[in-house]
C-alpha atoms as a PDB file:
ATOM      1  CA  MET A   1      46.265  86.657 123.214  1.00  0.00           C
ATOM      2  CA  SER A   2      44.673  86.770 119.791  1.00  0.00           C
ATOM      3  CA  GLU A   3      43.979  83.482 118.015  1.00  0.00           C
ATOM      4  CA  ALA A   4      44.419  85.011 114.546  1.00  0.00           C
ATOM      5  CA  ARG A   5      47.085  83.597 112.280  1.00  0.00           C
ATOM      6  CA  GLU A   6      48.678  84.715 109.019  1.00  0.00           C
ATOM      7  CA  THR A   7      46.692  83.914 105.880  1.00  0.00           C
ATOM      8  CA  ALA A   8      48.899  85.533 103.238  1.00  0.00           C
ATOM      9  CA  VAL A   9      51.810  83.817 101.486  1.00  0.00           C
ATOM     10  CA  TYR A  10      55.168  85.605 101.564  1.00  0.00           C
ATOM     11  CA  THR A  11      55.664  86.425  97.883  1.00  0.00           C
ATOM     12  CA  HIS A  12      59.457  86.569  97.735  1.00  0.00           C
ATOM     13  CA  GLY A  13      60.716  83.689  99.855  1.00  0.00           C
ATOM     14  CA  HIS A  14      64.374  83.698 100.948  1.00  0.00           C
ATOM     15  CA  HIS A  15      66.261  82.981  97.744  1.00  0.00           C
ATOM     16  CA  GLU A  16      69.781  84.443  97.578  1.00  0.00           C
ATOM     17  CA  SER A  17      68.541  87.205  95.256  1.00  0.00           C
ATOM     18  CA  VAL A  18      66.048  88.281  97.928  1.00  0.00           C
ATOM     19  CA  LEU A  19      68.587  88.195 100.748  1.00  0.00           C
ATOM     20  CA  ARG A  20      70.940  90.240  98.579  1.00  0.00           C
ATOM     21  CA  SER A  21      68.490  93.086  99.061  1.00  0.00           C
ATOM     22  CA  HIS A  22      67.517  92.340 102.661  1.00  0.00           C
ATOM     23  CA  THR A  23      71.079  92.246 103.967  1.00  0.00           C
ATOM     24  CA  TRP A  24      71.780  95.639 102.347  1.00  0.00           C
ATOM     25  CA  ARG A  25      69.189  97.295 104.561  1.00  0.00           C
ATOM     26  CA  THR A  26      70.336  99.354 107.517  1.00  0.00           C
ATOM     27  CA  ALA A  27      68.651 101.509 110.122  1.00  0.00           C
ATOM     28  CA  GLU A  28      70.025 104.524 108.283  1.00  0.00           C
ATOM     29  CA  ASN A  29      68.698 103.654 104.817  1.00  0.00           C
ATOM     30  CA  SER A  30      65.479 101.990 105.966  1.00  0.00           C
ATOM     31  CA  ALA A  31      64.405 103.459 109.338  1.00  0.00           C
ATOM     32  CA  ALA A  32      65.736 107.026 109.382  1.00  0.00           C
ATOM     33  CA  TYR A  33      62.250 108.389 110.228  1.00  0.00           C
ATOM     34  CA  LEU A  34      62.358 106.448 113.520  1.00  0.00           C
ATOM     35  CA  LEU A  35      65.891 107.136 114.723  1.00  0.00           C
ATOM     36  CA  GLY A  36      65.191 110.543 116.308  1.00  0.00           C
ATOM     37  CA  ALA A  37      62.679 108.921 118.667  1.00  0.00           C
ATOM     38  CA  LEU A  38      65.105 106.317 120.029  1.00  0.00           C
ATOM     39  CA  LYS A  39      66.593 106.538 123.539  1.00  0.00           C
ATOM     40  CA  PRO A  40      69.478 104.407 124.851  1.00  0.00           C
ATOM     41  CA  HIS A  41      67.299 102.527 127.377  1.00  0.00           C
ATOM     42  CA  MET A  42      64.507 101.473 125.016  1.00  0.00           C
ATOM     43  CA  ARG A  43      63.170  97.964 124.525  1.00  0.00           C
ATOM     44  CA  ILE A  44      62.366  97.344 120.845  1.00  0.00           C
ATOM     45  CA  LEU A  45      60.508  94.631 118.927  1.00  0.00           C
ATOM     46  CA  ASP A  46      61.614  94.348 115.287  1.00  0.00           C
ATOM     47  CA  ILE A  47      58.918  92.445 113.378  1.00  0.00           C
ATOM     48  CA  GLY A  48      59.804  90.662 110.141  1.00  0.00           C
ATOM     49  CA  CYS A  49      63.481  91.059 110.956  1.00  0.00           C
ATOM     50  CA  GLY A  50      64.738  88.679 108.257  1.00  0.00           C
ATOM     51  CA  PRO A  51      68.549  88.420 108.270  1.00  0.00           C
ATOM     52  CA  GLY A  52      68.754  90.971 111.063  1.00  0.00           C
ATOM     53  CA  THR A  53      70.826  93.843 109.694  1.00  0.00           C
ATOM     54  CA  ILE A  54      68.333  96.503 110.778  1.00  0.00           C
ATOM     55  CA  THR A  55      67.776  94.650 114.064  1.00  0.00           C
ATOM     56  CA  ALA A  56      71.486  94.730 114.819  1.00  0.00           C
ATOM     57  CA  ASP A  57      71.688  98.422 113.968  1.00  0.00           C
ATOM     58  CA  LEU A  58      68.814  99.159 116.332  1.00  0.00           C
ATOM     59  CA  ALA A  59      70.509  97.167 119.100  1.00  0.00           C
ATOM     60  CA  GLY A  60      73.593  99.303 118.651  1.00  0.00           C
ATOM     61  CA  LEU A  61      71.487 102.435 119.075  1.00  0.00           C
ATOM     62  CA  VAL A  62      69.933 101.314 122.388  1.00  0.00           C
ATOM     63  CA  PRO A  63      73.015 100.090 124.315  1.00  0.00           C
ATOM     64  CA  ASP A  64      71.190 100.209 127.651  1.00  0.00           C
ATOM     65  CA  GLY A  65      68.047  98.623 126.226  1.00  0.00           C
ATOM     66  CA  HIS A  66      67.173  95.445 124.353  1.00  0.00           C
ATOM     67  CA  VAL A  67      65.965  94.437 120.883  1.00  0.00           C
ATOM     68  CA  THR A  68      63.969  91.327 119.976  1.00  0.00           C
ATOM     69  CA  GLY A  69      63.934  90.341 116.317  1.00  0.00           C
ATOM     70  CA  LEU A  70      60.837  88.417 115.231  1.00  0.00           C
ATOM     71  CA  ASP A  71      60.222  86.472 112.022  1.00  0.00           C
ATOM     72  CA  ARG A  72      57.900  83.724 110.833  1.00  0.00           C
ATOM     73  CA  GLU A  73      60.726  81.682 109.320  1.00  0.00           C
ATOM     74  CA  PRO A  74      63.048  79.938 111.804  1.00  0.00           C
ATOM     75  CA  GLY A  75      65.772  79.411 109.193  1.00  0.00           C
ATOM     76  CA  ILE A  76      66.320  83.089 108.481  1.00  0.00           C
ATOM     77  CA  LEU A  77      66.756  83.775 112.188  1.00  0.00           C
ATOM     78  CA  GLU A  78      69.989  81.789 112.135  1.00  0.00           C
ATOM     79  CA  ARG A  79      71.345  84.377 109.705  1.00  0.00           C
ATOM     80  CA  ALA A  80      70.172  87.133 112.043  1.00  0.00           C
ATOM     81  CA  ARG A  81      71.876  85.527 115.039  1.00  0.00           C
ATOM     82  CA  THR A  82      75.092  85.300 113.044  1.00  0.00           C
ATOM     83  CA  VAL A  83      74.929  89.011 112.173  1.00  0.00           C
ATOM     84  CA  ALA A  84      74.387  89.950 115.818  1.00  0.00           C
ATOM     85  CA  GLY A  85      77.170  87.645 116.948  1.00  0.00           C
ATOM     86  CA  GLU A  86      79.640  89.054 114.428  1.00  0.00           C
ATOM     87  CA  ARG A  87      78.969  92.525 115.832  1.00  0.00           C
ATOM     88  CA  GLY A  88      79.428  91.371 119.410  1.00  0.00           C
ATOM     89  CA  LEU A  89      75.937  92.430 120.451  1.00  0.00           C
ATOM     90  CA  THR A  90      74.638  91.116 123.760  1.00  0.00           C
ATOM     91  CA  ASN A  91      71.380  93.104 123.989  1.00  0.00           C
ATOM     92  CA  VAL A  92      69.496  91.311 121.205  1.00  0.00           C
ATOM     93  CA  ASP A  93      67.580  88.055 120.873  1.00  0.00           C
ATOM     94  CA  PHE A  94      65.393  86.451 118.206  1.00  0.00           C
ATOM     95  CA  ALA A  95      62.088  84.582 118.199  1.00  0.00           C
ATOM     96  CA  VAL A  96      59.665  82.967 115.783  1.00  0.00           C
ATOM     97  CA  GLY A  97      56.259  84.623 115.684  1.00  0.00           C
ATOM     98  CA  ASP A  98      53.266  85.954 113.771  1.00  0.00           C
ATOM     99  CA  VAL A  99      52.418  89.664 113.776  1.00  0.00           C
ATOM    100  CA  HIS A 100      48.691  88.845 113.890  1.00  0.00           C
ATOM    101  CA  ALA A 101      49.139  87.060 117.245  1.00  0.00           C
ATOM    102  CA  LEU A 102      52.193  88.363 119.073  1.00  0.00           C
ATOM    103  CA  ASP A 103      53.252  86.160 121.991  1.00  0.00           C
ATOM    104  CA  PHE A 104      54.062  89.053 124.327  1.00  0.00           C
ATOM    105  CA  PRO A 105      52.089  90.664 127.154  1.00  0.00           C
ATOM    106  CA  ASP A 106      50.393  94.024 126.754  1.00  0.00           C
ATOM    107  CA  ASP A 107      52.600  97.114 127.128  1.00  0.00           C
ATOM    108  CA  THR A 108      55.928  95.275 126.734  1.00  0.00           C
ATOM    109  CA  PHE A 109      57.959  97.379 124.279  1.00  0.00           C
ATOM    110  CA  CYS A 110      58.943 101.025 123.963  1.00  0.00           C
ATOM    111  CA  VAL A 111      59.062 100.695 120.158  1.00  0.00           C
ATOM    112  CA  VAL A 112      57.551  98.138 117.790  1.00  0.00           C
ATOM    113  CA  HIS A 113      59.101  98.376 114.327  1.00  0.00           C
ATOM    114  CA  ALA A 114      58.230  96.687 111.035  1.00  0.00           C
ATOM    115  CA  HIS A 115      60.004  97.288 107.723  1.00  0.00           C
ATOM    116  CA  GLN A 116      58.434  95.930 104.508  1.00  0.00           C
ATOM    117  CA  VAL A 117      56.051  93.707 106.467  1.00  0.00           C
ATOM    118  CA  LEU A 118      52.468  94.961 106.168  1.00  0.00           C
ATOM    119  CA  GLN A 119      52.482  94.652 102.374  1.00  0.00           C
ATOM    120  CA  HIS A 120      52.810  90.889 102.859  1.00  0.00           C
ATOM    121  CA  VAL A 121      50.250  90.183 105.595  1.00  0.00           C
ATOM    122  CA  GLY A 122      46.644  89.128 105.291  1.00  0.00           C
ATOM    123  CA  ASP A 123      45.173  91.635 107.750  1.00  0.00           C
ATOM    124  CA  PRO A 124      47.365  94.736 108.189  1.00  0.00           C
ATOM    125  CA  VAL A 125      44.869  96.504 110.472  1.00  0.00           C
ATOM    126  CA  ARG A 126      44.775  93.542 112.843  1.00  0.00           C
ATOM    127  CA  ALA A 127      48.575  93.405 112.709  1.00  0.00           C
ATOM    128  CA  LEU A 128      48.771  97.060 113.711  1.00  0.00           C
ATOM    129  CA  ARG A 129      46.336  96.455 116.559  1.00  0.00           C
ATOM    130  CA  GLU A 130      48.606  93.702 117.854  1.00  0.00           C
ATOM    131  CA  MET A 131      51.646  95.963 117.488  1.00  0.00           C
ATOM    132  CA  ARG A 132      49.768  98.649 119.415  1.00  0.00           C
ATOM    133  CA  ARG A 133      48.761  96.184 122.143  1.00  0.00           C
ATOM    134  CA  VAL A 134      52.341  95.190 122.980  1.00  0.00           C
ATOM    135  CA  THR A 135      53.584  98.805 122.912  1.00  0.00           C
ATOM    136  CA  ARG A 136      53.874 100.672 126.205  1.00  0.00           C
ATOM    137  CA  PRO A 137      51.784 103.827 126.719  1.00  0.00           C
ATOM    138  CA  GLY A 138      53.799 106.721 125.312  1.00  0.00           C
ATOM    139  CA  GLY A 139      55.743 104.337 123.067  1.00  0.00           C
ATOM    140  CA  PHE A 140      55.844 104.111 119.296  1.00  0.00           C
ATOM    141  CA  VAL A 141      54.819 101.826 116.468  1.00  0.00           C
ATOM    142  CA  ALA A 142      56.996 102.494 113.433  1.00  0.00           C
ATOM    143  CA  VAL A 143      56.166 101.036 110.019  1.00  0.00           C
ATOM    144  CA  ARG A 144      57.669 101.517 106.558  1.00  0.00           C
ATOM    145  CA  ASP A 145      56.450  99.860 103.365  1.00  0.00           C
ATOM    146  CA  SER A 146      57.178 100.359  99.708  1.00  0.00           C
ATOM    147  CA  ASP A 147      54.456 101.245  97.220  1.00  0.00           C
ATOM    148  CA  TYR A 148      54.919  99.348  93.976  1.00  0.00           C
ATOM    149  CA  ALA A 149      52.527 101.422  91.872  1.00  0.00           C
ATOM    150  CA  ALA A 150      54.556 104.504  92.835  1.00  0.00           C
ATOM    151  CA  MET A 151      57.877 103.017  91.721  1.00  0.00           C
ATOM    152  CA  THR A 152      59.236 104.931  88.750  1.00  0.00           C
ATOM    153  CA  TRP A 153      62.167 104.636  86.409  1.00  0.00           C
ATOM    154  CA  TYR A 154      63.806 105.979  83.299  1.00  0.00           C
ATOM    155  CA  PRO A 155      64.176 105.190  80.420  1.00  0.00           C
ATOM    156  CA  LEU A 156      60.686 103.907  79.777  1.00  0.00           C
ATOM    157  CA  SER A 157      60.529 100.156  79.286  1.00  0.00           C
ATOM    158  CA  PRO A 158      57.450  98.184  78.204  1.00  0.00           C
ATOM    159  CA  GLY A 159      59.132  95.072  79.580  1.00  0.00           C
ATOM    160  CA  MET A 160      59.434  96.589  83.031  1.00  0.00           C
ATOM    161  CA  ASP A 161      55.867  97.879  82.814  1.00  0.00           C
ATOM    162  CA  HIS A 162      54.825  94.265  82.280  1.00  0.00           C
ATOM    163  CA  TRP A 163      57.023  93.168  85.197  1.00  0.00           C
ATOM    164  CA  LEU A 164      55.340  95.662  87.544  1.00  0.00           C
ATOM    165  CA  ASP A 165      51.844  94.667  86.471  1.00  0.00           C
ATOM    166  CA  LEU A 166      52.721  90.995  86.947  1.00  0.00           C
ATOM    167  CA  TYR A 167      54.306  91.509  90.355  1.00  0.00           C
ATOM    168  CA  ARG A 168      51.283  93.379  91.688  1.00  0.00           C
ATOM    169  CA  ARG A 169      48.930  90.649  90.451  1.00  0.00           C
ATOM    170  CA  VAL A 170      51.008  87.875  92.012  1.00  0.00           C
ATOM    171  CA  ALA A 171      51.360  89.717  95.338  1.00  0.00           C
ATOM    172  CA  ARG A 172      47.603  90.277  95.579  1.00  0.00           C
ATOM    173  CA  ALA A 173      46.887  86.659  94.645  1.00  0.00           C
ATOM    174  CA  ASN A 174      49.119  85.700  97.588  1.00  0.00           C
ATOM    175  CA  GLY A 175      46.950  87.770  99.926  1.00  0.00           C
ATOM    176  CA  GLY A 176      49.150  90.857 100.243  1.00  0.00           C
ATOM    177  CA  GLU A 177      48.891  94.498  99.154  1.00  0.00           C
ATOM    178  CA  PRO A 178      51.874  95.652  97.051  1.00  0.00           C
ATOM    179  CA  ASP A 179      50.775  99.302  97.179  1.00  0.00           C
ATOM    180  CA  ALA A 180      50.895  99.339 100.968  1.00  0.00           C
ATOM    181  CA  GLY A 181      52.915 102.531 101.370  1.00  0.00           C
ATOM    182  CA  ARG A 182      50.032 104.860 100.546  1.00  0.00           C
ATOM    183  CA  ARG A 183      47.668 102.956 102.850  1.00  0.00           C
ATOM    184  CA  LEU A 184      49.699 102.952 106.076  1.00  0.00           C
ATOM    185  CA  LYS A 185      48.131 106.051 107.605  1.00  0.00           C
ATOM    186  CA  SER A 186      44.621 104.789 106.858  1.00  0.00           C
ATOM    187  CA  TRP A 187      45.396 101.382 108.338  1.00  0.00           C
ATOM    188  CA  ALA A 188      46.878 102.979 111.460  1.00  0.00           C
ATOM    189  CA  LEU A 189      43.772 105.092 112.047  1.00  0.00           C
ATOM    190  CA  ALA A 190      41.570 102.023 111.557  1.00  0.00           C
ATOM    191  CA  ALA A 191      43.725 100.200 114.129  1.00  0.00           C
ATOM    192  CA  GLY A 192      42.907 102.832 116.758  1.00  0.00           C
ATOM    193  CA  PHE A 193      45.910 105.145 116.684  1.00  0.00           C
ATOM    194  CA  THR A 194      45.121 108.834 117.118  1.00  0.00           C
ATOM    195  CA  GLU A 195      48.669 110.251 116.981  1.00  0.00           C
ATOM    196  CA  VAL A 196      50.071 109.328 113.575  1.00  0.00           C
ATOM    197  CA  THR A 197      52.940 111.080 111.826  1.00  0.00           C
ATOM    198  CA  ALA A 198      52.936 110.018 108.174  1.00  0.00           C
ATOM    199  CA  THR A 199      55.981 110.657 105.995  1.00  0.00           C
ATOM    200  CA  SER A 200      57.672 109.138 102.972  1.00  0.00           C
ATOM    201  CA  GLY A 201      61.177 108.182 101.932  1.00  0.00           C
ATOM    202  CA  THR A 202      62.904 106.816  98.866  1.00  0.00           C
ATOM    203  CA  TRP A 203      65.640 104.538  97.687  1.00  0.00           C
ATOM    204  CA  THR A 204      67.239 105.718  94.455  1.00  0.00           C
ATOM    205  CA  PHE A 205      69.467 103.657  92.151  1.00  0.00           C
ATOM    206  CA  SER A 206      71.337 105.591  89.476  1.00  0.00           C
ATOM    207  CA  THR A 207      75.096 104.999  89.443  1.00  0.00           C
ATOM    208  CA  ALA A 208      76.514 102.161  87.370  1.00  0.00           C
ATOM    209  CA  ARG A 209      77.149 100.123  90.508  1.00  0.00           C
ATOM    210  CA  GLU A 210      73.682 100.796  91.943  1.00  0.00           C
ATOM    211  CA  ARG A 211      71.976  99.939  88.656  1.00  0.00           C
ATOM    212  CA  ALA A 212      73.929  96.703  88.248  1.00  0.00           C
ATOM    213  CA  TRP A 213      73.098  95.618  91.794  1.00  0.00           C
ATOM    214  CA  TRP A 214      69.405  96.555  91.740  1.00  0.00           C
ATOM    215  CA  SER A 215      68.674  95.251  88.254  1.00  0.00           C
ATOM    216  CA  GLY A 216      70.659  92.075  88.848  1.00  0.00           C
ATOM    217  CA  LEU A 217      68.877  91.095  92.034  1.00  0.00           C
ATOM    218  CA  TRP A 218      65.455  91.759  90.495  1.00  0.00           C
ATOM    219  CA  ALA A 219      66.319  89.886  87.310  1.00  0.00           C
ATOM    220  CA  ASP A 220      67.441  86.900  89.370  1.00  0.00           C
ATOM    221  CA  ARG A 221      64.453  87.160  91.708  1.00  0.00           C
ATOM    222  CA  THR A 222      62.073  87.207  88.752  1.00  0.00           C
ATOM    223  CA  VAL A 223      63.239  83.845  87.425  1.00  0.00           C
ATOM    224  CA  ALA A 224      64.686  81.981  90.410  1.00  0.00           C
ATOM    225  CA  SER A 225      62.967  82.957  93.684  1.00  0.00           C
ATOM    226  CA  ALA A 226      59.766  81.661  95.264  1.00  0.00           C
ATOM    227  CA  TYR A 227      57.999  84.502  93.459  1.00  0.00           C
ATOM    228  CA  ALA A 228      58.813  82.884  90.090  1.00  0.00           C
ATOM    229  CA  GLY A 229      57.225  79.592  91.095  1.00  0.00           C
ATOM    230  CA  ARG A 230      54.150  81.327  92.473  1.00  0.00           C
ATOM    231  CA  ALA A 231      53.767  83.387  89.304  1.00  0.00           C
ATOM    232  CA  VAL A 232      53.844  80.267  87.135  1.00  0.00           C
ATOM    233  CA  ASP A 233      51.874  77.955  89.425  1.00  0.00           C
ATOM    234  CA  GLY A 234      49.192  80.614  89.842  1.00  0.00           C
ATOM    235  CA  GLY A 235      48.757  80.956  86.099  1.00  0.00           C
ATOM    236  CA  HIS A 236      49.958  84.565  86.052  1.00  0.00           C
ATOM    237  CA  ALA A 237      52.930  84.066  83.717  1.00  0.00           C
ATOM    238  CA  THR A 238      54.906  81.488  81.798  1.00  0.00           C
ATOM    239  CA  ARG A 239      58.593  80.815  82.390  1.00  0.00           C
ATOM    240  CA  GLU A 240      59.330  82.522  79.070  1.00  0.00           C
ATOM    241  CA  GLN A 241      57.453  85.638  80.156  1.00  0.00           C
ATOM    242  CA  LEU A 242      59.475  85.696  83.382  1.00  0.00           C
ATOM    243  CA  ARG A 243      62.696  85.435  81.381  1.00  0.00           C
ATOM    244  CA  GLU A 244      61.539  88.360  79.235  1.00  0.00           C
ATOM    245  CA  ALA A 245      60.854  90.437  82.355  1.00  0.00           C
ATOM    246  CA  ALA A 246      64.298  89.580  83.734  1.00  0.00           C
ATOM    247  CA  ALA A 247      65.878  90.611  80.433  1.00  0.00           C
ATOM    248  CA  ALA A 248      64.068  93.951  80.619  1.00  0.00           C
ATOM    249  CA  TRP A 249      65.572  94.511  84.058  1.00  0.00           C
ATOM    250  CA  ARG A 250      69.080  93.798  82.786  1.00  0.00           C
ATOM    251  CA  GLU A 251      68.587  96.058  79.764  1.00  0.00           C
ATOM    252  CA  TRP A 252      67.523  98.896  82.044  1.00  0.00           C
ATOM    253  CA  GLY A 253      70.496  98.272  84.330  1.00  0.00           C
ATOM    254  CA  ALA A 254      72.919  98.568  81.415  1.00  0.00           C
ATOM    255  CA  ARG A 255      71.679 102.022  80.429  1.00  0.00           C
ATOM    256  CA  ASP A 256      74.016 104.868  81.370  1.00  0.00           C
ATOM    257  CA  ASP A 257      70.989 107.132  81.805  1.00  0.00           C
ATOM    258  CA  GLY A 258      69.135 104.585  83.940  1.00  0.00           C
ATOM    259  CA  TRP A 259      67.418 105.835  87.112  1.00  0.00           C
ATOM    260  CA  PHE A 260      65.034 104.036  89.482  1.00  0.00           C
ATOM    261  CA  SER A 261      63.212 105.307  92.575  1.00  0.00           C
ATOM    262  CA  VAL A 262      61.319 103.304  95.195  1.00  0.00           C
ATOM    263  CA  LEU A 263      58.781 105.285  97.213  1.00  0.00           C
ATOM    264  CA  HIS A 264      58.056 104.176 100.791  1.00  0.00           C
ATOM    265  CA  GLY A 265      55.245 105.242 103.047  1.00  0.00           C
ATOM    266  CA  GLU A 266      56.240 105.674 106.703  1.00  0.00           C
ATOM    267  CA  ILE A 267      54.197 106.021 109.878  1.00  0.00           C
ATOM    268  CA  LEU A 268      55.328 106.802 113.406  1.00  0.00           C
ATOM    269  CA  CYS A 269      52.378 106.172 115.711  1.00  0.00           C
ATOM    270  CA  ARG A 270      52.477 107.157 119.374  1.00  0.00           C
ATOM    271  CA  LYS A 271      50.382 105.119 121.778  1.00  0.00           C
ATOM    272  CA  GLU A 272      48.449 107.327 124.149  1.00  0.00           C
ATOM    273  CA  ALA A 273      50.021 107.562 127.608  1.00  0.00           C
END
């Protein structure tokens, strides 16, 4: 087993405003590029599973297989267990672990999946090598990450421009790479994969309900989550500047012509048989 350990700090933390987004995620809206490769018997590792909504969806799609949800934070796994229990799933379990040093033997899983994980880790290439190691020959590593620099919205907003610049600086100061989506294919090749299918997908928020939800969670996250403390403690922003960024989010969300798109890079990497 590798002795490497995570060096990056998770930028967002698990404030309610963060979990508001995480619990919205499903296999359909966040892992559609992977679903065609799934078979009922497969054994899946879901890295960075958080509150477990995607994990539970995957377990439902492999009724004759098994899914293990993995996260660094023990507390969030209690939420994931609750989600699985409420759905009556018996083919899923959860464990604490670090993607840089996975505590599983070689060739264990048919699929290793990670959604919005590599943007937050200190060594994404090493993480992918570990994911590859525990994947069975002929199996798949599936990764999806957003790309902050590629996020776009209308109407134009200097306040949100400032928010994006600040977020990217804070994320990089924490040891992550906020523009991970565009780098996934390159990282996969550096990790030793030779069969890589690289695609992209989007989330779009445009209706009044979507705008209110998306702008509200980001406004709250900007002033109240772990990110806010790290932005201030790291000297990147003052509390007043964070409040101004949150206000810009709410102003955008109130616009009838508001539109926001999040671009994600996606890779489906097959391990050589």
